[in-house]
N, C-alpha and C. Protein backbone atom coordinates (compact mmCIF):
# COMPACT_ATOMS: atom_id res chain seq x y z
N MET A 1 41.62 -0.89 10.68
CA MET A 1 40.99 -1.19 9.67
C MET A 1 41.95 -1.74 8.40
N LYS A 2 42.92 -0.95 8.21
CA LYS A 2 43.87 -1.17 7.26
C LYS A 2 44.42 -2.39 7.31
N ASN A 3 44.79 -2.86 8.40
CA ASN A 3 45.33 -4.52 8.36
C ASN A 3 44.10 -5.40 8.35
N ILE A 4 42.96 -5.13 8.55
CA ILE A 4 41.95 -5.90 8.38
C ILE A 4 41.96 -6.12 6.92
N SER A 5 41.88 -5.07 6.05
CA SER A 5 41.72 -5.05 4.69
C SER A 5 42.87 -6.03 4.11
N ILE A 6 44.13 -5.78 4.47
CA ILE A 6 45.04 -6.55 4.05
C ILE A 6 44.86 -7.94 4.05
N LEU A 7 44.58 -8.31 5.47
CA LEU A 7 44.41 -9.94 5.64
C LEU A 7 43.37 -10.32 4.79
N VAL A 8 42.07 -9.78 4.57
CA VAL A 8 40.96 -9.88 3.68
C VAL A 8 41.77 -10.23 2.17
N LEU A 9 42.57 -9.39 2.02
CA LEU A 9 43.10 -9.46 0.41
C LEU A 9 43.79 -10.60 0.31
N ILE A 10 44.86 -10.93 1.35
CA ILE A 10 45.90 -12.09 1.28
C ILE A 10 44.79 -13.25 1.47
N PHE A 11 43.92 -13.32 2.17
CA PHE A 11 43.24 -14.63 2.57
C PHE A 11 42.26 -14.89 1.33
N SER A 12 41.83 -13.93 0.62
CA SER A 12 40.82 -14.14 -0.41
C SER A 12 41.41 -14.55 -1.92
N SER A 13 42.84 -14.29 -1.78
CA SER A 13 43.61 -14.66 -2.88
C SER A 13 43.75 -16.04 -3.01
N CYS A 14 43.92 -16.56 -4.13
CA CYS A 14 44.04 -18.01 -4.45
C CYS A 14 45.30 -18.53 -3.95
N ASN A 15 46.40 -17.82 -4.76
CA ASN A 15 47.66 -18.27 -4.56
C ASN A 15 48.79 -16.57 -4.41
N LEU A 16 49.51 -16.79 -3.82
CA LEU A 16 50.40 -15.59 -3.67
C LEU A 16 51.72 -15.87 -4.07
N PHE A 17 52.65 -15.06 -4.54
CA PHE A 17 53.87 -15.75 -4.79
C PHE A 17 54.83 -14.46 -4.57
N SER A 18 54.99 -14.42 -3.23
CA SER A 18 56.05 -13.55 -2.59
C SER A 18 56.21 -13.36 -1.41
N GLN A 19 57.06 -12.38 -0.84
CA GLN A 19 57.30 -12.13 0.48
C GLN A 19 56.12 -10.95 1.13
N VAL A 20 55.37 -11.30 2.31
CA VAL A 20 54.41 -10.16 2.40
C VAL A 20 54.67 -9.83 4.00
N ALA A 21 54.38 -8.57 4.03
CA ALA A 21 54.44 -8.00 5.14
C ALA A 21 53.14 -7.28 5.46
N ILE A 22 52.59 -7.59 6.64
CA ILE A 22 51.11 -7.10 7.33
C ILE A 22 51.61 -6.06 8.34
N GLY A 23 50.87 -4.91 8.03
CA GLY A 23 50.69 -3.92 9.41
C GLY A 23 52.16 -3.09 9.39
N LYS A 24 53.21 -3.31 8.10
CA LYS A 24 54.30 -2.49 7.98
C LYS A 24 54.64 -2.40 6.40
N SER A 25 55.33 -1.43 5.97
CA SER A 25 55.53 -1.47 4.50
C SER A 25 56.45 -2.28 3.84
N SER A 26 57.49 -2.87 4.63
CA SER A 26 58.18 -3.80 4.03
C SER A 26 58.76 -5.12 4.79
N ILE A 27 59.20 -6.04 4.46
CA ILE A 27 59.87 -6.96 5.45
C ILE A 27 61.18 -6.60 5.54
N THR A 28 61.75 -7.36 6.85
CA THR A 28 63.07 -6.84 7.33
C THR A 28 64.20 -7.10 6.45
N ASN A 29 64.10 -8.60 5.46
CA ASN A 29 65.23 -9.22 5.14
C ASN A 29 64.57 -10.20 3.85
N ASP A 30 65.22 -10.59 3.09
CA ASP A 30 65.25 -11.68 2.21
C ASP A 30 65.01 -12.94 2.59
N SER A 31 65.27 -13.23 4.04
CA SER A 31 64.92 -14.84 4.41
C SER A 31 63.42 -14.91 5.15
N VAL A 32 62.73 -14.00 4.76
CA VAL A 32 61.35 -14.00 5.47
C VAL A 32 60.33 -14.04 4.63
N SER A 33 59.30 -14.87 4.81
CA SER A 33 57.97 -15.08 4.09
C SER A 33 56.98 -14.41 4.59
N LEU A 34 57.02 -14.19 5.53
CA LEU A 34 55.68 -13.68 6.32
C LEU A 34 55.93 -12.82 7.38
N GLU A 35 55.61 -11.58 7.73
CA GLU A 35 56.25 -10.83 8.58
C GLU A 35 55.14 -9.63 8.95
N PHE A 36 54.92 -9.46 10.56
CA PHE A 36 53.76 -8.48 11.01
C PHE A 36 54.56 -7.28 11.56
N GLY A 37 53.65 -6.25 11.45
CA GLY A 37 54.08 -5.06 12.15
C GLY A 37 54.15 -5.36 13.46
N ASN A 38 54.43 -4.18 14.47
CA ASN A 38 54.92 -3.95 15.85
C ASN A 38 53.62 -3.58 16.77
N GLU A 39 52.55 -3.94 16.26
CA GLU A 39 51.35 -3.35 16.89
C GLU A 39 51.14 -4.45 18.18
N ASN A 40 50.08 -4.05 18.98
CA ASN A 40 50.02 -4.97 20.20
C ASN A 40 48.71 -6.09 19.53
N ARG A 41 49.11 -6.94 18.56
CA ARG A 41 48.09 -7.69 18.01
C ARG A 41 49.04 -9.17 17.99
N GLY A 42 48.45 -10.22 17.98
CA GLY A 42 48.80 -11.55 17.59
C GLY A 42 48.36 -12.37 16.38
N LEU A 43 48.70 -13.52 16.16
CA LEU A 43 48.33 -14.14 15.02
C LEU A 43 47.28 -15.24 15.60
N LEU A 44 46.08 -15.15 14.97
CA LEU A 44 45.15 -16.06 15.30
C LEU A 44 45.25 -17.35 14.73
N LEU A 45 45.44 -18.64 15.25
CA LEU A 45 45.58 -19.89 14.42
C LEU A 45 44.22 -20.45 14.27
N PRO A 46 43.88 -21.05 13.39
CA PRO A 46 42.94 -21.82 13.18
C PRO A 46 42.31 -22.61 14.02
N TRP A 47 41.18 -22.52 14.17
CA TRP A 47 40.21 -23.22 15.00
C TRP A 47 39.67 -24.68 14.39
N VAL A 48 40.10 -25.60 14.98
CA VAL A 48 39.42 -26.99 14.59
C VAL A 48 38.74 -27.63 15.70
N ILE A 49 37.78 -28.26 15.17
CA ILE A 49 36.73 -29.09 16.23
C ILE A 49 37.95 -30.16 16.95
N SER A 50 38.79 -30.85 16.73
CA SER A 50 39.77 -31.42 17.39
C SER A 50 40.94 -31.75 16.67
N ALA A 51 42.14 -32.17 17.27
CA ALA A 51 43.34 -32.23 16.40
C ALA A 51 43.18 -33.77 15.45
N ALA A 52 42.09 -34.52 16.19
CA ALA A 52 42.09 -35.70 15.68
C ALA A 52 41.34 -35.62 14.25
N SER A 53 40.47 -34.42 14.29
CA SER A 53 39.74 -34.19 12.91
C SER A 53 40.55 -33.91 11.81
N VAL A 54 41.66 -33.37 12.05
CA VAL A 54 42.86 -32.54 11.01
C VAL A 54 43.41 -33.92 10.31
N ASN A 55 42.97 -33.75 8.82
CA ASN A 55 43.54 -34.99 8.04
C ASN A 55 44.52 -34.42 7.11
N GLY A 56 45.57 -35.19 7.12
CA GLY A 56 46.78 -34.87 6.07
C GLY A 56 47.53 -33.79 6.67
N ALA A 57 47.69 -33.62 7.76
CA ALA A 57 48.55 -32.50 8.22
C ALA A 57 49.91 -32.89 8.33
N VAL A 58 50.93 -31.73 8.25
CA VAL A 58 52.33 -31.97 8.06
C VAL A 58 53.02 -31.38 9.47
N ASP A 59 53.96 -31.98 9.54
CA ASP A 59 54.92 -31.61 10.93
C ASP A 59 55.03 -29.94 10.80
N GLY A 60 54.82 -29.13 11.61
CA GLY A 60 55.12 -27.87 11.60
C GLY A 60 53.43 -27.08 11.60
N THR A 61 52.48 -27.82 11.58
CA THR A 61 51.18 -27.28 11.41
C THR A 61 50.87 -27.05 12.86
N PHE A 62 50.24 -25.67 13.06
CA PHE A 62 49.87 -25.33 14.36
C PHE A 62 48.27 -25.27 14.08
N ILE A 63 47.76 -25.32 15.39
CA ILE A 63 45.97 -25.35 15.23
C ILE A 63 45.72 -24.94 16.85
N PHE A 64 44.27 -24.35 16.90
CA PHE A 64 43.74 -24.15 18.18
C PHE A 64 42.49 -25.45 18.35
N ASP A 65 42.72 -26.38 19.12
CA ASP A 65 41.88 -27.53 19.29
C ASP A 65 40.64 -26.93 20.24
N SER A 66 39.59 -26.79 19.64
CA SER A 66 38.77 -26.22 20.49
C SER A 66 37.84 -27.14 21.55
N SER A 67 38.18 -28.54 21.30
CA SER A 67 37.90 -29.65 22.16
C SER A 67 38.06 -29.58 23.46
N ASP A 68 39.84 -29.19 23.48
CA ASP A 68 40.21 -29.07 24.81
C ASP A 68 40.83 -27.83 24.83
N LYS A 69 40.69 -26.89 24.08
CA LYS A 69 40.70 -25.63 24.41
C LYS A 69 42.45 -25.42 24.68
N LYS A 70 42.99 -26.12 23.40
CA LYS A 70 44.57 -26.27 23.42
C LYS A 70 45.48 -25.81 22.21
N ILE A 71 46.36 -24.93 22.09
CA ILE A 71 47.41 -24.56 21.08
C ILE A 71 48.07 -25.89 20.95
N LYS A 72 48.20 -26.21 19.62
CA LYS A 72 48.94 -27.52 19.52
C LYS A 72 49.72 -27.41 18.29
N TYR A 73 51.06 -28.22 18.10
CA TYR A 73 51.55 -28.22 16.62
C TYR A 73 52.01 -29.62 16.77
N LEU A 74 52.06 -30.15 15.42
CA LEU A 74 52.43 -31.53 14.88
C LEU A 74 53.91 -31.46 15.01
N LYS A 75 54.27 -32.64 15.38
CA LYS A 75 55.70 -32.87 15.38
C LYS A 75 56.06 -34.30 15.61
N SER A 76 56.71 -34.61 14.45
CA SER A 76 56.69 -36.14 14.17
C SER A 76 55.64 -36.96 14.17
N GLY A 77 54.61 -36.54 13.67
CA GLY A 77 53.18 -37.21 13.56
C GLY A 77 52.49 -36.94 14.92
N ASN A 78 52.88 -36.50 15.77
CA ASN A 78 52.08 -36.24 17.10
C ASN A 78 51.77 -34.72 17.54
N TRP A 79 50.43 -34.82 18.05
CA TRP A 79 50.09 -33.39 18.40
C TRP A 79 50.84 -33.24 19.58
N VAL A 80 51.82 -31.79 20.03
CA VAL A 80 52.31 -31.38 21.01
C VAL A 80 51.44 -30.25 21.35
N ASP A 81 51.18 -30.25 22.98
CA ASP A 81 50.47 -29.33 23.48
C ASP A 81 51.30 -27.96 24.11
N LEU A 82 50.92 -26.57 23.35
CA LEU A 82 51.70 -25.84 23.75
C LEU A 82 50.70 -25.11 24.92
N SER A 83 49.68 -25.28 25.14
CA SER A 83 49.21 -24.40 26.35
C SER A 83 49.23 -25.22 27.79
N VAL A 84 49.48 -26.08 27.90
CA VAL A 84 49.60 -26.52 29.06
C VAL A 84 48.56 -26.59 30.09
N ASP A 85 47.87 -25.44 30.30
CA ASP A 85 46.62 -25.34 31.10
C ASP A 85 45.55 -25.54 30.55
N ASN A 86 44.79 -26.33 30.99
CA ASN A 86 43.31 -26.92 30.32
C ASN A 86 42.23 -26.11 30.51
N THR A 87 42.42 -24.76 31.10
CA THR A 87 41.21 -24.04 31.54
C THR A 87 40.51 -22.95 30.18
N GLY A 88 41.05 -23.52 29.09
CA GLY A 88 40.92 -22.32 28.24
C GLY A 88 39.33 -22.58 27.99
N THR A 89 39.38 -21.59 27.05
CA THR A 89 37.54 -20.95 26.76
C THR A 89 37.52 -20.94 25.21
N VAL A 90 36.51 -20.88 24.38
CA VAL A 90 36.05 -20.46 22.90
C VAL A 90 34.73 -20.57 22.82
N ASN A 91 34.51 -19.52 21.91
CA ASN A 91 33.21 -19.47 21.69
C ASN A 91 33.08 -19.49 20.32
N THR A 92 32.58 -20.95 20.02
CA THR A 92 32.58 -21.34 18.42
C THR A 92 31.22 -20.88 17.60
N THR A 93 30.34 -20.25 18.45
CA THR A 93 28.95 -19.93 18.09
C THR A 93 28.99 -19.36 16.38
N LEU A 94 30.17 -18.49 16.11
CA LEU A 94 30.25 -18.04 14.87
C LEU A 94 30.41 -18.60 13.94
N GLN A 95 31.14 -20.06 14.11
CA GLN A 95 31.56 -20.75 13.08
C GLN A 95 30.64 -22.22 13.10
N ASP A 96 29.87 -22.45 14.36
CA ASP A 96 29.10 -23.52 14.30
C ASP A 96 28.33 -23.92 13.23
N LEU A 97 27.65 -23.00 12.42
CA LEU A 97 26.66 -23.46 11.39
C LEU A 97 27.53 -23.23 10.03
N LYS A 98 28.61 -23.13 10.03
CA LYS A 98 29.43 -22.91 8.64
C LYS A 98 30.12 -24.10 8.37
N SER A 99 30.33 -24.17 7.02
CA SER A 99 30.90 -25.31 6.45
C SER A 99 32.19 -25.19 5.94
N GLU A 100 33.06 -25.92 5.90
CA GLU A 100 34.26 -25.69 5.66
C GLU A 100 34.53 -25.61 4.09
N SER A 101 35.24 -24.85 3.75
CA SER A 101 35.84 -24.73 2.23
C SER A 101 36.86 -25.87 2.30
N ALA A 102 37.00 -26.89 1.49
CA ALA A 102 38.01 -27.44 1.15
C ALA A 102 39.09 -26.73 0.35
N ASN A 103 38.74 -25.87 -0.47
CA ASN A 103 39.56 -25.36 -1.38
C ASN A 103 39.97 -23.89 -0.65
N ALA A 104 39.90 -23.59 0.19
CA ALA A 104 40.46 -22.39 1.04
C ALA A 104 41.97 -22.71 1.36
N LYS A 105 42.54 -21.96 0.76
CA LYS A 105 43.80 -22.11 0.99
C LYS A 105 44.68 -20.77 0.51
N VAL A 106 45.76 -20.37 1.13
CA VAL A 106 46.81 -19.22 0.90
C VAL A 106 48.36 -19.92 0.70
N VAL A 107 48.89 -19.77 -0.37
CA VAL A 107 50.46 -20.16 -0.53
C VAL A 107 51.21 -19.26 -0.87
N ILE A 108 51.79 -18.47 0.32
CA ILE A 108 53.05 -17.56 0.10
C ILE A 108 54.71 -18.30 0.11
N GLY A 109 55.09 -18.00 -1.12
CA GLY A 109 56.32 -18.52 -1.64
C GLY A 109 56.43 -19.13 -2.97
N ALA A 110 57.48 -19.98 -3.12
CA ALA A 110 57.77 -20.68 -4.50
C ALA A 110 56.63 -21.74 -4.80
N ASP A 111 56.18 -22.01 -5.85
CA ASP A 111 55.58 -23.01 -6.65
C ASP A 111 54.23 -23.00 -5.69
N GLY A 112 53.69 -21.93 -5.65
CA GLY A 112 52.28 -21.68 -5.15
C GLY A 112 51.20 -22.64 -5.71
N GLU A 113 51.16 -22.55 -7.28
CA GLU A 113 50.14 -23.45 -8.15
C GLU A 113 50.16 -24.64 -7.71
N ASN A 114 51.33 -25.20 -7.48
CA ASN A 114 51.31 -26.71 -7.53
C ASN A 114 51.43 -26.92 -6.18
N ASN A 115 51.82 -26.17 -5.13
CA ASN A 115 51.71 -26.87 -3.89
C ASN A 115 50.61 -27.65 -3.30
N THR A 116 50.98 -28.83 -2.86
CA THR A 116 49.84 -29.74 -2.04
C THR A 116 49.78 -29.88 -0.83
N THR A 117 50.51 -29.03 0.06
CA THR A 117 50.66 -29.14 1.02
C THR A 117 49.37 -28.84 1.96
N PRO A 118 48.68 -29.57 2.81
CA PRO A 118 47.24 -29.13 3.29
C PRO A 118 47.47 -28.09 4.25
N GLY A 119 46.41 -26.89 4.46
CA GLY A 119 46.44 -26.21 5.29
C GLY A 119 45.99 -24.52 4.85
N ILE A 120 45.41 -23.93 5.51
CA ILE A 120 44.84 -22.66 5.13
C ILE A 120 45.83 -21.51 4.78
N LEU A 121 46.98 -21.63 5.24
CA LEU A 121 47.98 -20.67 5.16
C LEU A 121 49.52 -21.29 5.11
N VAL A 122 49.88 -21.57 4.09
CA VAL A 122 51.21 -22.54 3.94
C VAL A 122 52.07 -21.70 3.29
N LEU A 123 53.16 -21.56 3.97
CA LEU A 123 54.59 -20.89 3.67
C LEU A 123 55.51 -21.99 3.14
N SER A 124 55.69 -21.82 1.50
CA SER A 124 56.23 -22.72 0.81
C SER A 124 57.82 -22.78 0.51
N ASP A 125 58.10 -21.75 0.80
CA ASP A 125 59.85 -21.40 0.58
C ASP A 125 60.48 -22.31 1.81
N ASN A 126 61.22 -23.11 1.34
CA ASN A 126 62.34 -23.82 2.49
C ASN A 126 63.37 -23.17 2.56
N ASP A 127 63.70 -21.69 2.26
CA ASP A 127 64.69 -21.08 2.62
C ASP A 127 64.32 -19.67 3.47
N LYS A 128 62.82 -19.40 3.95
CA LYS A 128 62.58 -18.66 4.45
C LYS A 128 61.58 -18.82 5.64
N ALA A 129 61.27 -17.79 6.28
CA ALA A 129 60.83 -17.96 7.72
C ALA A 129 59.75 -17.20 8.12
N LEU A 130 58.68 -17.33 8.95
CA LEU A 130 57.66 -16.63 9.58
C LEU A 130 58.22 -15.68 10.85
N VAL A 131 57.90 -14.61 10.83
CA VAL A 131 58.25 -13.90 11.94
C VAL A 131 56.74 -13.43 12.32
N LEU A 132 56.80 -14.09 13.48
CA LEU A 132 55.42 -14.08 14.59
C LEU A 132 55.31 -12.52 14.81
N PRO A 133 54.11 -12.12 15.26
CA PRO A 133 53.82 -10.55 15.78
C PRO A 133 54.65 -10.61 17.14
N LYS A 134 55.54 -9.19 16.84
CA LYS A 134 56.42 -8.98 18.31
C LYS A 134 55.37 -8.12 19.07
N VAL A 135 55.25 -8.63 20.62
CA VAL A 135 54.73 -7.74 21.22
C VAL A 135 55.38 -7.75 22.75
N ALA A 136 55.70 -6.81 23.37
CA ALA A 136 56.27 -6.61 24.92
C ALA A 136 54.96 -7.12 25.58
N SER A 137 55.63 -8.06 26.36
CA SER A 137 54.83 -8.44 27.57
C SER A 137 53.14 -8.61 27.18
N PRO A 138 52.79 -9.54 26.26
CA PRO A 138 51.73 -9.61 25.53
C PRO A 138 50.55 -9.77 26.61
N HIS A 139 50.68 -10.65 27.87
CA HIS A 139 49.84 -10.68 28.79
C HIS A 139 49.25 -9.27 29.49
N ILE A 140 50.21 -8.38 29.16
CA ILE A 140 49.51 -7.16 30.01
C ILE A 140 49.38 -6.03 28.73
N ASN A 141 49.86 -6.03 27.39
CA ASN A 141 49.58 -5.06 26.45
C ASN A 141 48.54 -5.48 25.38
N ILE A 142 47.92 -6.83 25.31
CA ILE A 142 47.14 -7.03 24.37
C ILE A 142 45.85 -7.19 25.37
N VAL A 143 45.01 -6.31 25.01
CA VAL A 143 43.94 -5.78 26.04
C VAL A 143 42.77 -6.97 26.00
N ASN A 144 42.60 -7.74 24.73
CA ASN A 144 41.50 -8.39 24.46
C ASN A 144 41.85 -9.49 23.46
N PRO A 145 42.95 -10.68 23.97
CA PRO A 145 43.18 -11.61 23.26
C PRO A 145 42.32 -12.63 22.79
N SER A 146 42.39 -13.27 21.78
CA SER A 146 41.44 -14.22 21.34
C SER A 146 41.91 -15.65 21.57
N SER A 147 41.39 -16.66 21.85
CA SER A 147 41.54 -18.09 21.86
C SER A 147 42.30 -18.32 20.30
N GLY A 148 43.59 -19.29 20.94
CA GLY A 148 44.47 -19.70 19.84
C GLY A 148 45.37 -18.35 19.42
N MET A 149 45.49 -17.36 19.99
CA MET A 149 46.50 -16.58 19.54
C MET A 149 47.85 -16.72 19.95
N LEU A 150 48.60 -16.42 19.20
CA LEU A 150 50.17 -16.70 19.39
C LEU A 150 51.05 -15.53 18.71
N VAL A 151 51.96 -15.16 19.62
CA VAL A 151 52.93 -13.79 19.66
C VAL A 151 54.44 -14.39 19.97
N TYR A 152 55.19 -13.46 19.60
CA TYR A 152 56.63 -13.58 20.34
C TYR A 152 56.67 -12.28 21.36
N ASP A 153 57.06 -12.76 22.52
CA ASP A 153 57.17 -11.78 23.43
C ASP A 153 58.48 -11.14 23.52
N THR A 154 58.70 -9.77 22.96
CA THR A 154 60.07 -9.36 23.16
C THR A 154 60.60 -8.75 24.29
N THR A 155 59.78 -8.90 25.58
CA THR A 155 60.50 -8.66 26.88
C THR A 155 60.99 -9.84 27.62
N SER A 156 60.50 -10.97 27.24
CA SER A 156 61.06 -12.20 28.04
C SER A 156 61.79 -13.11 26.93
N HIS A 157 61.69 -12.62 25.65
CA HIS A 157 62.07 -13.31 24.44
C HIS A 157 61.61 -14.79 24.21
N GLN A 158 60.20 -14.81 24.49
CA GLN A 158 59.63 -16.21 24.64
C GLN A 158 58.54 -16.30 23.70
N LEU A 159 58.04 -17.62 23.33
CA LEU A 159 56.82 -17.62 22.25
C LEU A 159 55.67 -17.47 23.60
N ALA A 160 54.70 -16.94 23.17
CA ALA A 160 53.27 -16.79 24.08
C ALA A 160 52.63 -16.95 23.42
N VAL A 161 51.43 -18.06 23.69
CA VAL A 161 50.25 -18.74 23.37
C VAL A 161 49.18 -18.37 24.16
N PHE A 162 47.94 -17.95 23.77
CA PHE A 162 46.83 -17.92 24.71
C PHE A 162 45.55 -18.79 24.12
N ASN A 163 45.02 -19.36 25.44
CA ASN A 163 44.32 -20.67 25.26
C ASN A 163 42.74 -20.26 25.44
N GLY A 164 42.46 -18.73 25.56
CA GLY A 164 41.32 -18.26 25.89
C GLY A 164 40.98 -17.85 27.48
N THR A 165 42.00 -18.35 28.08
CA THR A 165 42.06 -18.17 29.46
C THR A 165 43.28 -17.44 30.06
N VAL A 166 44.40 -18.06 29.77
CA VAL A 166 45.67 -17.86 30.22
C VAL A 166 46.79 -17.78 29.24
N TRP A 167 47.72 -17.03 29.22
CA TRP A 167 48.85 -17.14 28.26
C TRP A 167 49.99 -18.17 29.02
N THR A 168 50.60 -18.85 27.73
CA THR A 168 51.49 -19.91 28.04
C THR A 168 52.95 -19.27 27.66
N PHE A 169 53.87 -19.51 28.08
CA PHE A 169 55.28 -19.02 27.44
C PHE A 169 56.13 -20.04 27.41
N TRP A 170 56.92 -20.10 26.27
CA TRP A 170 57.96 -21.18 26.07
C TRP A 170 59.26 -20.52 25.74
N LYS A 171 60.31 -21.01 26.18
CA LYS A 171 61.41 -20.73 25.76
C LYS A 171 62.27 -21.66 25.44
N PRO A 172 63.11 -21.91 24.24
CA PRO A 172 64.18 -22.96 23.90
C PRO A 172 64.95 -23.15 24.82
């Protein structure tokens, strides 16, 4: 419940100007914009109707495309599929009747008031990074993952994404 309260506080703020730790008392170092605790939870990406419906996205944007049930990121102006498997599932009934708030945005980092980068959560510092939630063997330890979940697997040292049916693992 504490983590949910923290997330609600962050996302209900118009702008945020600092480094943020969620699920822990502090960040690990000064090079971090946003960092998560060590619970068996992941970062849930924003669900969009389709990648084609996303306007003004910049390289580095991550989404869960509910039309083809895939996690994607924008690279050199093209959406890159991270899910590989096309058997994903998603239940959008909770959001189907909702309308998007064009002004919904949280900026963490420098110049938040003037930042015009499109997105729901924007990390604006160019000298800090996002530290993903770290989970050992997420396919085993996250009991009920949600479509569009993203974590770092500390056992295999890989990026892990969940499309609603299966986990896909990426290693550089």
